Structures are given as C-alpha cells and as structure tokens.
Amino acid sequence: MNNTDTKNAIEILNRIMEVELAGVVRYTHYSLMVYGYNRLPIVDWMKSNAQEGLTHAHRAGELVTLLGGHPSLSIGKLLETAKHDIGDILRESLEHEKTALDAYYELLKLTEGGTSVLLEEYAREMIVEEEMHLDSVNKMLRHPGDVEAFKT
C-alpha cells in the first residue's frame, strides 16, 4: 500500500476500534437494563456481544500497529436514550451494528483489488460476522411468526 492508503487504513481501523469499544460499553449497559421473564438469555447475549466487541477492537488495534500507526484512545458515539424496553434496546443495537458494518465496508473498498490482501480479507471476514449479527438482531425484533425482515 502507498502512504496515503496506509494512512487512510489506519484512520478507518481506528474508527473501527472506537465503534467496537463503544459497543462494549453499550452492550454492558444494556445487559444491566434488561428486566422481565426473558432477562437471563438476553443478558447473556448482551454480555457475549460486549466481549465480541472487545475482541474486534483488539484485532483492529493490532492492525493499526502492524501498519505503523497509533491505536486510538477514543471511543465511538455513545447514545443514551433512556429507553430500556428490549425493543428499544434492540433497535439501538441495530443502528450501532450498521455503523460498524459501514466502517468495515469502507475498509474493504480501500483495500479491494490487491492493495492489501491482509486488510481485504480481514474486512471481508468482519463484514460476514457483522451481517450475521445484524440478522440475529433483526430476527429478535420480529414478532413471532413474522418471516419478513424487520424494517426500521
């Protein structure tokens, strides 16, 4: 990769780190705010997402240092709507996951075509994970028996 592409990749990877770290905070908070009969499986799912976000942030940070950059100490946007209904939480989660997915697609666009096979494959792998995660959240937002995808 040339210097400009490397600089751009570092910026995108740092943004990915920030978004993923915001997800850690967000899902940890959500896990504390779930009440009701289905609390335990939802809390476990939220905690798992927080851990996954930390793993994703760490991977992005490792790539930043691989490229000679400095990992960001910032965190992405944290939204507190004070709405703690599970539907509201899941809709916020869907929005957060789309933000992360957009950043991975931006990295893919930069690296597609062989400028960095390592970063291209990383972006593709993460896009698959994020799209599967979005699908899980989408299915959780559907009413039982609904087959059509949830639309915001």
N, C-alpha and C. Protein backbone atom coordinates (compact mmCIF):
# COMPACT_ATOMS: atom_id res chain seq x y z
N MET A 1 0.84 -1.18 0.00
CA MET A 1 0.00 0.00 0.00
C MET A 1 0.89 1.24 0.00
N ASN A 2 0.42 2.26 -0.68
CA ASN A 2 1.17 3.50 -0.66
C ASN A 2 0.90 4.24 0.66
N ASN A 3 1.62 5.33 0.89
CA ASN A 3 1.50 6.06 2.16
C ASN A 3 0.09 6.58 2.41
N THR A 4 -0.56 7.07 1.37
CA THR A 4 -1.92 7.61 1.52
C THR A 4 -2.89 6.50 1.91
N ASP A 5 -2.80 5.36 1.22
CA ASP A 5 -3.68 4.24 1.55
C ASP A 5 -3.42 3.73 2.97
N THR A 6 -2.16 3.67 3.36
CA THR A 6 -1.82 3.22 4.71
C THR A 6 -2.41 4.17 5.74
N LYS A 7 -2.26 5.46 5.50
CA LYS A 7 -2.81 6.47 6.42
C LYS A 7 -4.32 6.33 6.50
N ASN A 8 -4.98 6.18 5.36
CA ASN A 8 -6.44 6.02 5.34
C ASN A 8 -6.87 4.73 6.05
N ALA A 9 -6.12 3.66 5.84
CA ALA A 9 -6.45 2.39 6.50
C ALA A 9 -6.33 2.53 8.01
N ILE A 10 -5.30 3.21 8.48
CA ILE A 10 -5.12 3.43 9.92
C ILE A 10 -6.29 4.23 10.48
N GLU A 11 -6.70 5.27 9.75
CA GLU A 11 -7.85 6.08 10.20
C GLU A 11 -9.12 5.24 10.30
N ILE A 12 -9.37 4.40 9.30
CA ILE A 12 -10.56 3.56 9.30
C ILE A 12 -10.47 2.53 10.43
N LEU A 13 -9.31 1.90 10.58
CA LEU A 13 -9.14 0.91 11.65
C LEU A 13 -9.31 1.54 13.02
N ASN A 14 -8.83 2.76 13.20
CA ASN A 14 -9.03 3.44 14.48
C ASN A 14 -10.51 3.73 14.72
N ARG A 15 -11.22 4.11 13.66
CA ARG A 15 -12.66 4.34 13.79
C ARG A 15 -13.37 3.03 14.14
N ILE A 16 -12.93 1.92 13.52
CA ILE A 16 -13.49 0.61 13.85
C ILE A 16 -13.25 0.30 15.33
N MET A 17 -12.04 0.55 15.79
CA MET A 17 -11.74 0.34 17.22
C MET A 17 -12.69 1.14 18.09
N GLU A 18 -12.88 2.40 17.75
CA GLU A 18 -13.73 3.28 18.55
C GLU A 18 -15.18 2.80 18.56
N VAL A 19 -15.68 2.38 17.40
CA VAL A 19 -17.06 1.90 17.31
C VAL A 19 -17.21 0.60 18.11
N GLU A 20 -16.25 -0.29 17.96
CA GLU A 20 -16.33 -1.57 18.68
C GLU A 20 -16.24 -1.36 20.19
N LEU A 21 -15.38 -0.43 20.63
CA LEU A 21 -15.29 -0.15 22.07
C LEU A 21 -16.57 0.50 22.58
N ALA A 22 -17.19 1.33 21.78
CA ALA A 22 -18.49 1.89 22.15
C ALA A 22 -19.51 0.76 22.31
N GLY A 23 -19.40 -0.25 21.46
CA GLY A 23 -20.28 -1.42 21.57
C GLY A 23 -20.08 -2.16 22.87
N VAL A 24 -18.83 -2.24 23.34
CA VAL A 24 -18.55 -2.90 24.62
C VAL A 24 -19.31 -2.18 25.74
N VAL A 25 -19.20 -0.86 25.76
CA VAL A 25 -19.88 -0.07 26.79
C VAL A 25 -21.39 -0.19 26.62
N ARG A 26 -21.84 -0.05 25.40
CA ARG A 26 -23.28 -0.10 25.11
C ARG A 26 -23.88 -1.45 25.54
N TYR A 27 -23.29 -2.55 25.11
CA TYR A 27 -23.86 -3.86 25.45
C TYR A 27 -23.73 -4.18 26.94
N THR A 28 -22.68 -3.69 27.58
CA THR A 28 -22.56 -3.88 29.02
C THR A 28 -23.69 -3.13 29.73
N HIS A 29 -23.93 -1.90 29.31
CA HIS A 29 -25.03 -1.11 29.87
C HIS A 29 -26.36 -1.80 29.63
N TYR A 30 -26.58 -2.20 28.40
CA TYR A 30 -27.84 -2.87 28.07
C TYR A 30 -28.05 -4.11 28.95
N SER A 31 -26.99 -4.87 29.16
CA SER A 31 -27.13 -6.11 29.95
C SER A 31 -27.61 -5.82 31.37
N LEU A 32 -27.33 -4.62 31.86
CA LEU A 32 -27.76 -4.24 33.20
C LEU A 32 -29.20 -3.71 33.23
N MET A 33 -29.73 -3.37 32.07
CA MET A 33 -31.03 -2.72 31.99
C MET A 33 -32.15 -3.63 31.49
N VAL A 34 -31.89 -4.90 31.36
CA VAL A 34 -32.91 -5.83 30.87
C VAL A 34 -33.66 -6.42 32.07
N TYR A 35 -34.98 -6.32 32.01
CA TYR A 35 -35.84 -6.86 33.07
C TYR A 35 -36.91 -7.74 32.44
N GLY A 36 -37.50 -8.58 33.25
CA GLY A 36 -38.62 -9.39 32.78
C GLY A 36 -38.30 -10.87 32.71
N TYR A 37 -39.26 -11.62 32.21
CA TYR A 37 -39.18 -13.08 32.19
C TYR A 37 -38.03 -13.62 31.36
N ASN A 38 -37.70 -12.96 30.29
CA ASN A 38 -36.64 -13.46 29.42
C ASN A 38 -35.29 -12.81 29.69
N ARG A 39 -35.11 -12.25 30.87
CA ARG A 39 -33.92 -11.50 31.20
C ARG A 39 -32.63 -12.30 31.00
N LEU A 40 -32.55 -13.49 31.57
CA LEU A 40 -31.28 -14.22 31.61
C LEU A 40 -30.70 -14.52 30.22
N PRO A 41 -31.46 -15.08 29.28
CA PRO A 41 -30.83 -15.34 27.97
C PRO A 41 -30.46 -14.04 27.25
N ILE A 42 -31.24 -12.99 27.43
CA ILE A 42 -30.93 -11.72 26.77
C ILE A 42 -29.68 -11.10 27.38
N VAL A 43 -29.56 -11.15 28.71
CA VAL A 43 -28.37 -10.62 29.38
C VAL A 43 -27.13 -11.39 28.92
N ASP A 44 -27.22 -12.70 28.85
CA ASP A 44 -26.08 -13.49 28.36
C ASP A 44 -25.71 -13.10 26.94
N TRP A 45 -26.70 -12.88 26.08
CA TRP A 45 -26.45 -12.47 24.70
C TRP A 45 -25.77 -11.11 24.67
N MET A 46 -26.22 -10.17 25.50
CA MET A 46 -25.61 -8.84 25.57
C MET A 46 -24.16 -8.92 26.04
N LYS A 47 -23.91 -9.70 27.07
CA LYS A 47 -22.54 -9.85 27.59
C LYS A 47 -21.63 -10.46 26.52
N SER A 48 -22.16 -11.42 25.79
CA SER A 48 -21.40 -12.04 24.71
C SER A 48 -21.06 -11.01 23.63
N ASN A 49 -22.00 -10.14 23.31
CA ASN A 49 -21.74 -9.08 22.33
C ASN A 49 -20.70 -8.10 22.83
N ALA A 50 -20.71 -7.79 24.11
CA ALA A 50 -19.70 -6.90 24.68
C ALA A 50 -18.31 -7.52 24.55
N GLN A 51 -18.21 -8.80 24.84
CA GLN A 51 -16.93 -9.50 24.72
C GLN A 51 -16.47 -9.56 23.27
N GLU A 52 -17.41 -9.81 22.37
CA GLU A 52 -17.08 -9.84 20.94
C GLU A 52 -16.59 -8.48 20.46
N GLY A 53 -17.21 -7.41 20.93
CA GLY A 53 -16.78 -6.06 20.57
C GLY A 53 -15.36 -5.78 21.04
N LEU A 54 -15.02 -6.25 22.23
CA LEU A 54 -13.66 -6.08 22.74
C LEU A 54 -12.66 -6.84 21.87
N THR A 55 -13.02 -8.04 21.48
CA THR A 55 -12.15 -8.83 20.59
C THR A 55 -11.98 -8.13 19.25
N HIS A 56 -13.07 -7.61 18.70
CA HIS A 56 -12.99 -6.90 17.42
C HIS A 56 -12.14 -5.64 17.54
N ALA A 57 -12.29 -4.90 18.63
CA ALA A 57 -11.49 -3.69 18.84
C ALA A 57 -10.01 -4.04 18.93
N HIS A 58 -9.71 -5.11 19.62
CA HIS A 58 -8.32 -5.53 19.77
C HIS A 58 -7.71 -5.92 18.43
N ARG A 59 -8.47 -6.64 17.63
CA ARG A 59 -7.98 -7.03 16.30
C ARG A 59 -7.69 -5.81 15.44
N ALA A 60 -8.60 -4.84 15.46
CA ALA A 60 -8.39 -3.61 14.68
C ALA A 60 -7.15 -2.88 15.19
N GLY A 61 -6.97 -2.82 16.50
CA GLY A 61 -5.81 -2.16 17.07
C GLY A 61 -4.51 -2.84 16.69
N GLU A 62 -4.51 -4.15 16.65
CA GLU A 62 -3.31 -4.89 16.22
C GLU A 62 -2.95 -4.53 14.78
N LEU A 63 -3.96 -4.37 13.94
CA LEU A 63 -3.69 -4.00 12.56
C LEU A 63 -3.19 -2.56 12.45
N VAL A 64 -3.68 -1.68 13.32
CA VAL A 64 -3.17 -0.31 13.34
C VAL A 64 -1.68 -0.32 13.62
N THR A 65 -1.26 -1.09 14.63
CA THR A 65 0.17 -1.12 14.97
C THR A 65 0.98 -1.85 13.91
N LEU A 66 0.38 -2.85 13.26
CA LEU A 66 1.06 -3.55 12.17
C LEU A 66 1.41 -2.56 11.05
N LEU A 67 0.50 -1.59 10.83
CA LEU A 67 0.71 -0.59 9.77
C LEU A 67 1.57 0.58 10.23
N GLY A 68 2.01 0.54 11.48
CA GLY A 68 2.86 1.61 11.98
C GLY A 68 2.10 2.77 12.58
N GLY A 69 0.83 2.55 12.87
CA GLY A 69 0.01 3.62 13.44
C GLY A 69 -0.09 3.53 14.94
N HIS A 70 -0.80 4.48 15.51
CA HIS A 70 -1.02 4.55 16.94
C HIS A 70 -2.50 4.31 17.22
N PRO A 71 -2.82 3.26 17.99
CA PRO A 71 -4.23 2.97 18.26
C PRO A 71 -4.91 4.12 19.02
N SER A 72 -6.12 4.39 18.64
CA SER A 72 -6.90 5.46 19.24
C SER A 72 -7.25 5.15 20.69
N LEU A 73 -7.28 6.18 21.49
CA LEU A 73 -7.77 6.06 22.87
C LEU A 73 -9.19 6.59 22.99
N SER A 74 -9.77 6.97 21.87
CA SER A 74 -11.13 7.50 21.87
C SER A 74 -12.13 6.36 21.82
N ILE A 75 -13.36 6.72 22.05
CA ILE A 75 -14.44 5.75 21.98
C ILE A 75 -15.51 6.34 21.08
N GLY A 76 -16.21 5.47 20.37
CA GLY A 76 -17.24 5.93 19.45
C GLY A 76 -18.43 6.54 20.18
N LYS A 77 -19.38 6.98 19.40
CA LYS A 77 -20.57 7.65 19.90
C LYS A 77 -21.35 6.74 20.85
N LEU A 78 -21.65 7.29 22.01
CA LEU A 78 -22.49 6.58 22.98
C LEU A 78 -23.82 7.32 23.09
N LEU A 79 -24.87 6.62 22.81
CA LEU A 79 -26.20 7.20 22.80
C LEU A 79 -26.97 6.68 24.00
N GLU A 80 -27.44 7.57 24.83
CA GLU A 80 -28.29 7.17 25.95
C GLU A 80 -29.67 7.76 25.72
N THR A 81 -30.57 6.93 25.30
CA THR A 81 -31.93 7.40 25.03
C THR A 81 -32.81 7.29 26.26
N ALA A 82 -32.33 6.61 27.27
CA ALA A 82 -33.11 6.36 28.50
C ALA A 82 -34.34 5.50 28.22
N LYS A 83 -34.35 4.83 27.06
CA LYS A 83 -35.41 3.89 26.73
C LYS A 83 -34.85 2.50 26.99
N HIS A 84 -35.49 1.76 27.87
CA HIS A 84 -34.92 0.47 28.24
C HIS A 84 -35.84 -0.71 27.97
N ASP A 85 -36.84 -0.47 27.16
CA ASP A 85 -37.64 -1.57 26.66
C ASP A 85 -36.74 -2.41 25.74
N ILE A 86 -36.86 -3.70 25.77
CA ILE A 86 -35.98 -4.56 24.98
C ILE A 86 -36.08 -4.23 23.50
N GLY A 87 -37.24 -3.86 23.01
CA GLY A 87 -37.38 -3.47 21.61
C GLY A 87 -36.56 -2.22 21.30
N ASP A 88 -36.60 -1.24 22.18
CA ASP A 88 -35.80 -0.02 22.00
C ASP A 88 -34.31 -0.34 22.03
N ILE A 89 -33.92 -1.18 22.96
CA ILE A 89 -32.52 -1.58 23.08
C ILE A 89 -32.06 -2.28 21.80
N LEU A 90 -32.88 -3.16 21.28
CA LEU A 90 -32.51 -3.89 20.06
C LEU A 90 -32.47 -2.96 18.85
N ARG A 91 -33.37 -2.01 18.77
CA ARG A 91 -33.32 -1.05 17.66
C ARG A 91 -32.05 -0.20 17.73
N GLU A 92 -31.67 0.22 18.94
CA GLU A 92 -30.41 0.95 19.11
C GLU A 92 -29.22 0.07 18.73
N SER A 93 -29.30 -1.18 19.11
CA SER A 93 -28.24 -2.14 18.77
C SER A 93 -28.13 -2.30 17.27
N LEU A 94 -29.26 -2.37 16.58
CA LEU A 94 -29.27 -2.49 15.13
C LEU A 94 -28.57 -1.29 14.49
N GLU A 95 -28.85 -0.10 14.98
CA GLU A 95 -28.22 1.12 14.47
C GLU A 95 -26.70 1.08 14.71
N HIS A 96 -26.32 0.66 15.90
CA HIS A 96 -24.89 0.57 16.23
C HIS A 96 -24.18 -0.42 15.32
N GLU A 97 -24.78 -1.57 15.11
CA GLU A 97 -24.16 -2.60 14.27
C GLU A 97 -24.04 -2.14 12.82
N LYS A 98 -25.00 -1.37 12.34
CA LYS A 98 -24.92 -0.84 10.98
C LYS A 98 -23.74 0.14 10.86
N THR A 99 -23.49 0.92 11.90
CA THR A 99 -22.35 1.84 11.90
C THR A 99 -21.04 1.07 11.79
N ALA A 100 -20.93 0.00 12.55
CA ALA A 100 -19.72 -0.84 12.48
C ALA A 100 -19.59 -1.46 11.09
N LEU A 101 -20.68 -1.98 10.57
CA LEU A 101 -20.66 -2.60 9.25
C LEU A 101 -20.21 -1.61 8.17
N ASP A 102 -20.70 -0.38 8.25
CA ASP A 102 -20.30 0.65 7.29
C ASP A 102 -18.78 0.89 7.32
N ALA A 103 -18.21 0.89 8.51
CA ALA A 103 -16.76 1.11 8.63
C ALA A 103 -15.98 -0.05 8.01
N TYR A 104 -16.44 -1.27 8.21
CA TYR A 104 -15.77 -2.42 7.60
C TYR A 104 -15.88 -2.37 6.08
N TYR A 105 -17.04 -1.96 5.57
CA TYR A 105 -17.19 -1.81 4.12
C TYR A 105 -16.27 -0.72 3.58
N GLU A 106 -16.09 0.33 4.34
CA GLU A 106 -15.18 1.39 3.92
C GLU A 106 -13.74 0.86 3.82
N LEU A 107 -13.34 0.04 4.78
CA LEU A 107 -12.02 -0.57 4.73
C LEU A 107 -11.90 -1.51 3.54
N LEU A 108 -12.93 -2.29 3.28
CA LEU A 108 -12.92 -3.19 2.12
C LEU A 108 -12.76 -2.40 0.83
N LYS A 109 -13.49 -1.31 0.69
CA LYS A 109 -13.41 -0.50 -0.52
C LYS A 109 -11.99 0.02 -0.73
N LEU A 110 -11.34 0.42 0.36
CA LEU A 110 -9.98 0.94 0.26
C LEU A 110 -8.99 -0.15 -0.16
N THR A 111 -9.20 -1.37 0.30
CA THR A 111 -8.19 -2.43 0.11
C THR A 111 -8.51 -3.40 -1.02
N GLU A 112 -9.73 -3.33 -1.56
CA GLU A 112 -10.11 -4.23 -2.65
C GLU A 112 -9.17 -4.06 -3.83
N GLY A 113 -8.92 -5.14 -4.50
CA GLY A 113 -8.10 -5.07 -5.70
C GLY A 113 -6.62 -5.28 -5.45
N GLY A 114 -6.28 -5.73 -4.24
CA GLY A 114 -4.91 -6.13 -4.02
C GLY A 114 -3.99 -5.13 -3.37
N THR A 115 -4.51 -3.97 -2.90
CA THR A 115 -3.60 -3.06 -2.22
C THR A 115 -3.11 -3.68 -0.91
N SER A 116 -3.95 -4.49 -0.27
CA SER A 116 -3.55 -5.25 0.91
C SER A 116 -4.48 -6.44 1.06
N VAL A 117 -3.99 -7.60 0.71
CA VAL A 117 -4.79 -8.81 0.83
C VAL A 117 -5.14 -9.06 2.29
N LEU A 118 -4.19 -8.80 3.18
CA LEU A 118 -4.43 -8.97 4.62
C LEU A 118 -5.64 -8.15 5.07
N LEU A 119 -5.64 -6.86 4.77
CA LEU A 119 -6.73 -6.00 5.20
C LEU A 119 -8.03 -6.29 4.45
N GLU A 120 -7.91 -6.67 3.18
CA GLU A 120 -9.10 -7.01 2.41
C GLU A 120 -9.79 -8.24 3.00
N GLU A 121 -9.01 -9.26 3.30
CA GLU A 121 -9.59 -10.48 3.87
C GLU A 121 -10.15 -10.23 5.27
N TYR A 122 -9.44 -9.42 6.07
CA TYR A 122 -9.93 -9.04 7.39
C TYR A 122 -11.28 -8.34 7.26
N ALA A 123 -11.36 -7.36 6.36
CA ALA A 123 -12.61 -6.62 6.17
C ALA A 123 -13.74 -7.56 5.76
N ARG A 124 -13.45 -8.47 4.82
CA ARG A 124 -14.48 -9.42 4.37
C ARG A 124 -14.95 -10.31 5.53
N GLU A 125 -14.02 -10.81 6.31
CA GLU A 125 -14.37 -11.67 7.45
C GLU A 125 -15.25 -10.92 8.45
N MET A 126 -14.89 -9.69 8.73
CA MET A 126 -15.64 -8.91 9.70
C MET A 126 -17.01 -8.51 9.16
N ILE A 127 -17.09 -8.27 7.87
CA ILE A 127 -18.39 -7.95 7.26
C ILE A 127 -19.33 -9.14 7.40
N VAL A 128 -18.83 -10.34 7.17
CA VAL A 128 -19.66 -11.54 7.33
C VAL A 128 -20.15 -11.63 8.77
N GLU A 129 -19.24 -11.46 9.74
CA GLU A 129 -19.64 -11.53 11.15
C GLU A 129 -20.69 -10.47 11.49
N GLU A 130 -20.45 -9.25 11.05
CA GLU A 130 -21.37 -8.15 11.37
C GLU A 130 -22.73 -8.35 10.69
N GLU A 131 -22.73 -8.83 9.45
CA GLU A 131 -24.01 -9.05 8.78
C GLU A 131 -24.79 -10.18 9.45
N MET A 132 -24.09 -11.21 9.92
CA MET A 132 -24.78 -12.29 10.64
C MET A 132 -25.34 -11.75 11.96
N HIS A 133 -24.58 -10.88 12.60
CA HIS A 133 -25.05 -10.29 13.85
C HIS A 133 -26.27 -9.40 13.60
N LEU A 134 -26.22 -8.62 12.54
CA LEU A 134 -27.38 -7.80 12.18
C LEU A 134 -28.61 -8.67 11.94
N ASP A 135 -28.41 -9.80 11.29
CA ASP A 135 -29.51 -10.71 11.03
C ASP A 135 -30.10 -11.24 12.33
N SER A 136 -29.25 -11.56 13.29
CA SER A 136 -29.75 -12.03 14.60
C SER A 136 -30.60 -10.97 15.27
N VAL A 137 -30.12 -9.73 15.28
CA VAL A 137 -30.87 -8.64 15.90
C VAL A 137 -32.18 -8.43 15.14
N ASN A 138 -32.12 -8.48 13.81
CA ASN A 138 -33.32 -8.30 13.00
C ASN A 138 -34.36 -9.36 13.35
N LYS A 139 -33.93 -10.59 13.50
CA LYS A 139 -34.86 -11.68 13.82
C LYS A 139 -35.43 -11.50 15.22
N MET A 140 -34.63 -10.96 16.15
CA MET A 140 -35.11 -10.73 17.50
C MET A 140 -36.18 -9.63 17.52
N LEU A 141 -36.12 -8.72 16.57
CA LEU A 141 -37.08 -7.62 16.52
C LEU A 141 -38.40 -8.01 15.85
N ARG A 142 -38.46 -9.16 15.22
CA ARG A 142 -39.68 -9.59 14.55
C ARG A 142 -40.65 -10.18 15.58
N HIS A 143 -41.92 -10.04 15.28
CA HIS A 143 -42.93 -10.68 16.11
C HIS A 143 -42.95 -12.17 15.76
N PRO A 144 -43.23 -13.03 16.73
CA PRO A 144 -43.30 -14.46 16.43
C PRO A 144 -44.21 -14.73 15.24
N GLY A 145 -43.71 -15.50 14.31
CA GLY A 145 -44.46 -15.85 13.11
C GLY A 145 -44.18 -14.96 11.92
N ASP A 146 -43.57 -13.78 12.17
CA ASP A 146 -43.22 -12.89 11.06
C ASP A 146 -41.99 -13.43 10.34
N VAL A 147 -42.12 -13.60 9.03
CA VAL A 147 -40.98 -14.07 8.24
C VAL A 147 -40.26 -12.92 7.57
N GLU A 148 -41.00 -11.88 7.30
CA GLU A 148 -40.41 -10.73 6.60
C GLU A 148 -39.43 -10.00 7.53
N ALA A 149 -38.33 -9.54 6.94
CA ALA A 149 -37.31 -8.83 7.70
C ALA A 149 -37.89 -7.61 8.39
N PHE A 150 -37.40 -7.33 9.60
CA PHE A 150 -37.79 -6.13 10.33
C PHE A 150 -37.25 -4.91 9.60
N LYS A 151 -38.09 -3.90 9.49
CA LYS A 151 -37.66 -2.65 8.84
C LYS A 151 -37.82 -1.53 9.83
N THR A 152 -36.78 -0.68 9.89
CA THR A 152 -36.83 0.45 10.83
C THR A 152 -37.60 1.61 10.27
